[in-house]
N, C-alpha and C. Protein backbone atom coordinates (compact mmCIF):
# COMPACT_ATOMS: atom_id res chain seq x y z
N UNK A 1 -56.24 32.49 85.67
CA UNK A 1 -55.46 31.32 85.37
C UNK A 1 -56.17 30.56 84.26
N UNK A 2 -57.68 30.69 84.24
CA UNK A 2 -58.44 29.76 83.26
C UNK A 2 -57.89 30.23 82.00
N UNK A 3 -57.50 31.71 81.37
CA UNK A 3 -57.08 31.93 80.17
C UNK A 3 -56.06 31.18 79.80
N UNK A 4 -55.17 30.85 80.26
CA UNK A 4 -53.72 30.11 79.99
C UNK A 4 -53.97 28.84 79.66
N UNK A 5 -55.11 28.08 80.17
CA UNK A 5 -55.73 26.73 80.00
C UNK A 5 -56.71 26.38 79.33
N UNK A 6 -57.16 27.40 78.40
CA UNK A 6 -58.28 27.22 77.87
C UNK A 6 -57.86 27.87 76.19
N UNK A 7 -58.11 26.81 75.06
CA UNK A 7 -57.74 27.21 73.78
C UNK A 7 -59.04 27.10 72.81
N UNK A 8 -59.36 27.86 71.63
CA UNK A 8 -59.98 27.56 70.81
C UNK A 8 -59.49 27.31 69.19
N UNK A 9 -59.66 26.15 68.82
CA UNK A 9 -59.10 25.93 67.64
C UNK A 9 -59.87 25.13 66.72
N UNK A 10 -59.74 25.24 65.40
CA UNK A 10 -58.98 26.32 64.67
C UNK A 10 -59.86 27.87 64.97
N UNK A 11 -59.18 28.80 64.71
CA UNK A 11 -59.75 29.99 65.03
C UNK A 11 -59.21 31.31 64.03
N UNK A 12 -59.45 31.42 63.00
CA UNK A 12 -61.06 31.37 62.50
C UNK A 12 -61.42 29.73 62.20
N UNK A 13 -62.76 29.63 62.26
CA UNK A 13 -63.43 28.56 61.72
C UNK A 13 -64.50 28.47 60.55
N UNK A 14 -64.47 27.60 59.90
CA UNK A 14 -65.76 27.76 59.03
C UNK A 14 -66.93 26.87 59.48
N UNK A 15 -66.64 26.34 60.81
CA UNK A 15 -68.09 25.88 61.21
C UNK A 15 -67.90 25.15 62.62
N UNK A 16 -66.76 23.98 62.25
CA UNK A 16 -66.71 23.30 63.75
C UNK A 16 -65.44 23.87 64.31
N UNK A 17 -65.21 23.71 65.61
CA UNK A 17 -64.28 24.04 66.29
C UNK A 17 -64.17 23.29 67.55
N UNK A 18 -62.89 23.50 67.95
CA UNK A 18 -62.80 22.44 69.69
C UNK A 18 -62.34 23.73 70.49
N UNK A 19 -62.67 23.46 71.56
CA UNK A 19 -62.31 23.97 72.68
C UNK A 19 -61.70 22.98 73.67
N UNK A 20 -60.41 23.49 74.21
CA UNK A 20 -59.74 22.41 74.86
C UNK A 20 -59.22 23.32 76.19
N UNK A 21 -59.51 22.57 77.09
CA UNK A 21 -58.94 23.20 78.84
C UNK A 21 -58.57 22.10 79.60
N UNK A 22 -57.48 22.70 80.56
CA UNK A 22 -56.73 22.17 81.43
C UNK A 22 -58.13 21.61 82.49
N UNK A 23 -59.00 22.49 82.48
CA UNK A 23 -59.91 22.15 83.35
C UNK A 23 -61.38 21.31 82.77
N UNK A 24 -62.35 21.01 83.59
CA UNK A 24 -63.33 20.17 82.94
C UNK A 24 -64.62 21.45 82.50
N UNK A 25 -65.02 21.43 81.40
CA UNK A 25 -65.80 22.70 80.90
C UNK A 25 -67.08 21.75 81.05
N UNK A 26 -68.09 22.71 81.67
CA UNK A 26 -69.35 22.30 81.79
C UNK A 26 -70.26 22.88 80.66
N UNK A 27 -70.20 24.27 80.26
CA UNK A 27 -70.99 24.77 79.47
C UNK A 27 -70.17 25.87 78.45
N UNK A 28 -70.27 25.96 77.19
CA UNK A 28 -69.99 26.98 76.39
C UNK A 28 -70.90 27.81 75.67
N UNK A 29 -71.17 29.25 76.00
CA UNK A 29 -72.16 30.14 75.90
C UNK A 29 -71.46 30.87 74.33
N UNK A 30 -72.10 31.03 73.19
CA UNK A 30 -71.95 32.08 72.07
C UNK A 30 -72.90 33.18 72.23
N UNK A 31 -72.12 34.32 72.41
CA UNK A 31 -72.59 35.72 72.19
C UNK A 31 -72.11 36.40 70.72
N UNK A 32 -73.10 36.76 70.23
CA UNK A 32 -72.50 37.83 69.05
C UNK A 32 -72.27 39.45 69.65
N UNK A 33 -71.69 39.93 68.85
CA UNK A 33 -70.94 41.53 69.21
C UNK A 33 -71.91 42.34 70.00
N UNK A 34 -73.32 42.17 69.91
CA UNK A 34 -74.41 42.76 70.38
C UNK A 34 -74.45 42.43 71.94
N UNK A 35 -74.01 41.27 72.17
CA UNK A 35 -74.06 40.84 73.46
C UNK A 35 -75.04 39.63 73.71
N UNK A 36 -75.87 39.49 72.67
CA UNK A 36 -76.98 38.37 72.69
C UNK A 36 -76.47 36.97 72.51
N UNK A 37 -77.10 36.06 73.51
CA UNK A 37 -76.70 34.71 73.32
C UNK A 37 -77.07 34.16 72.53
N UNK A 38 -76.46 33.59 71.50
CA UNK A 38 -76.78 33.02 70.25
C UNK A 38 -77.12 31.59 70.32
N UNK A 39 -76.27 30.55 71.20
CA UNK A 39 -76.03 29.38 71.13
C UNK A 39 -75.28 28.72 72.78
N UNK A 40 -76.00 27.78 73.08
CA UNK A 40 -75.52 27.27 74.37
C UNK A 40 -74.91 25.53 74.06
N UNK A 41 -73.86 25.60 74.55
CA UNK A 41 -73.40 23.94 74.45
C UNK A 41 -73.05 23.47 75.70
N UNK A 42 -73.71 22.00 76.12
CA UNK A 42 -73.13 21.65 77.34
C UNK A 42 -72.02 20.65 76.87
N UNK A 43 -70.83 20.65 77.73
CA UNK A 43 -69.92 19.67 77.35
C UNK A 43 -69.28 18.78 78.38
N UNK A 44 -69.18 19.03 79.58
CA UNK A 44 -68.90 17.90 80.64
C UNK A 44 -67.67 17.13 80.47
N UNK A 45 -66.52 17.72 79.86
CA UNK A 45 -65.37 17.02 79.46
C UNK A 45 -64.42 18.22 79.31
N UNK A 46 -63.12 17.78 78.99
CA UNK A 46 -61.70 18.94 79.12
C UNK A 46 -61.73 19.28 77.45
N UNK A 47 -62.42 18.56 76.85
CA UNK A 47 -62.51 18.88 75.28
C UNK A 47 -63.76 18.82 74.70
N UNK A 48 -64.23 19.91 74.33
CA UNK A 48 -65.38 19.77 73.35
C UNK A 48 -65.36 20.26 72.01
N UNK A 49 -66.41 19.80 71.21
CA UNK A 49 -66.31 20.25 69.73
C UNK A 49 -67.69 20.86 69.84
N UNK A 50 -67.82 22.45 69.01
CA UNK A 50 -68.72 22.92 68.87
C UNK A 50 -69.00 23.39 67.40
N UNK A 51 -70.32 23.45 66.95
CA UNK A 51 -70.69 23.49 65.53
C UNK A 51 -71.41 24.79 65.30
N UNK A 52 -70.65 25.74 64.74
CA UNK A 52 -71.20 27.21 64.39
C UNK A 52 -71.49 27.55 63.04
N UNK A 53 -71.69 26.33 62.34
CA UNK A 53 -71.88 26.62 60.69
C UNK A 53 -73.12 27.01 60.58
N UNK A 54 -74.23 27.28 61.64
CA UNK A 54 -75.58 27.86 61.11
C UNK A 54 -75.53 29.19 61.52
N UNK A 55 -74.18 29.66 62.22
CA UNK A 55 -74.22 31.17 62.18
C UNK A 55 -73.83 31.86 61.43
N UNK A 56 -74.23 33.33 61.04
CA UNK A 56 -73.73 33.96 59.84
C UNK A 56 -71.97 34.37 60.33
N UNK A 57 -71.23 34.79 59.02
CA UNK A 57 -69.50 35.09 59.64
C UNK A 57 -69.48 36.22 60.22
N UNK A 58 -68.67 36.26 61.10
CA UNK A 58 -68.44 37.28 61.93
C UNK A 58 -67.48 37.16 63.08
N UNK A 59 -67.55 37.98 64.19
CA UNK A 59 -67.01 37.46 65.47
C UNK A 59 -67.74 37.34 66.54
N UNK A 60 -67.41 36.47 67.28
CA UNK A 60 -68.31 35.98 68.57
C UNK A 60 -67.62 35.82 69.88
N UNK A 61 -68.07 35.78 70.70
CA UNK A 61 -67.42 35.86 72.26
C UNK A 61 -67.78 34.44 72.75
N UNK A 62 -66.83 33.35 72.95
CA UNK A 62 -67.25 32.36 73.71
C UNK A 62 -67.09 32.40 75.05
N UNK A 63 -68.00 32.30 76.13
CA UNK A 63 -68.30 32.30 77.24
C UNK A 63 -67.76 30.81 77.94
N UNK A 64 -66.76 30.29 78.42
CA UNK A 64 -66.27 29.04 78.69
C UNK A 64 -66.42 28.84 80.34
N UNK A 65 -67.54 27.86 80.30
CA UNK A 65 -67.38 27.63 81.97
C UNK A 65 -66.82 26.48 82.55
N UNK A 66 -65.80 26.57 83.21
CA UNK A 66 -65.10 25.28 83.97
C UNK A 66 -65.16 25.10 85.41
N UNK A 67 -64.43 24.36 85.79
CA UNK A 67 -64.61 23.90 87.10
C UNK A 67 -63.75 25.13 87.79
N UNK A 68 -63.08 25.82 87.17
CA UNK A 68 -62.06 26.86 87.76
C UNK A 68 -62.84 28.40 87.43
N UNK A 69 -63.70 28.42 86.99
CA UNK A 69 -64.30 29.65 86.58
C UNK A 69 -64.72 29.86 85.22
N UNK A 70 -65.14 31.02 84.76
CA UNK A 70 -65.46 31.36 83.54
C UNK A 70 -64.50 32.23 82.52
N UNK A 71 -64.31 32.11 81.25
CA UNK A 71 -63.19 32.72 80.67
C UNK A 71 -63.93 33.10 79.73
N UNK A 72 -64.11 34.23 79.01
CA UNK A 72 -64.19 34.62 77.43
C UNK A 72 -63.18 34.55 76.42
N UNK A 73 -63.52 34.00 75.33
CA UNK A 73 -62.66 33.74 74.34
C UNK A 73 -63.26 34.13 72.85
N UNK A 74 -62.46 34.73 72.15
CA UNK A 74 -63.07 35.25 70.81
C UNK A 74 -62.92 34.43 69.83
N UNK A 75 -64.08 34.16 69.07
CA UNK A 75 -64.32 33.20 67.68
C UNK A 75 -64.37 34.02 66.32
N UNK A 76 -63.70 33.98 65.38
CA UNK A 76 -64.07 34.20 64.20
C UNK A 76 -64.73 33.29 63.16
N UNK A 77 -65.97 33.53 62.74
CA UNK A 77 -66.67 32.73 61.54
C UNK A 77 -66.37 33.27 60.77
N UNK A 78 -65.64 32.45 59.63
CA UNK A 78 -65.50 32.68 58.17
C UNK A 78 -66.69 32.50 57.28
């Protein structure tokens, strides 16, 4: 259910991106393709902006924790 209510945009991004959910977002974790946690953001709202400008270009997995569970979303940093 969470996947249909949670969106990451723009994707791909150059740095700033928004995460929008039908549920309250508590935390967004950013993982690299090796599975290492590289950033964490506390949100506490249905919409959150995250800044990944300091990360190298590549593909990342966002683990978005909401009041209805957690969902992974792919993010491409250009």
